[in-house]
């Protein structure tokens, strides 16, 4: 079932410079994507950051996919 990242990812001007964050946390979408890109597995990410849930990681991926799709429509 596809995840609706809008229920998990928030944008708050005073939090982490207004970058998209996991709701209720100071972990940005970009943090999670960078960890995955650097080779961390989902299991390692969840172990190192127990405040995260599987749906949080999936929301970050969905956010990035949507953002990439939006950008490709402009080009």
Foldseek 3Di string as FASTA:
>chain_A
DQDDLVVFWDFDCVAPNRAIDGPPDNHHLVNLVVCVVVPDDPVNVCVVPVVDDPSNSSSSVVVVVVVVVVVVVVD
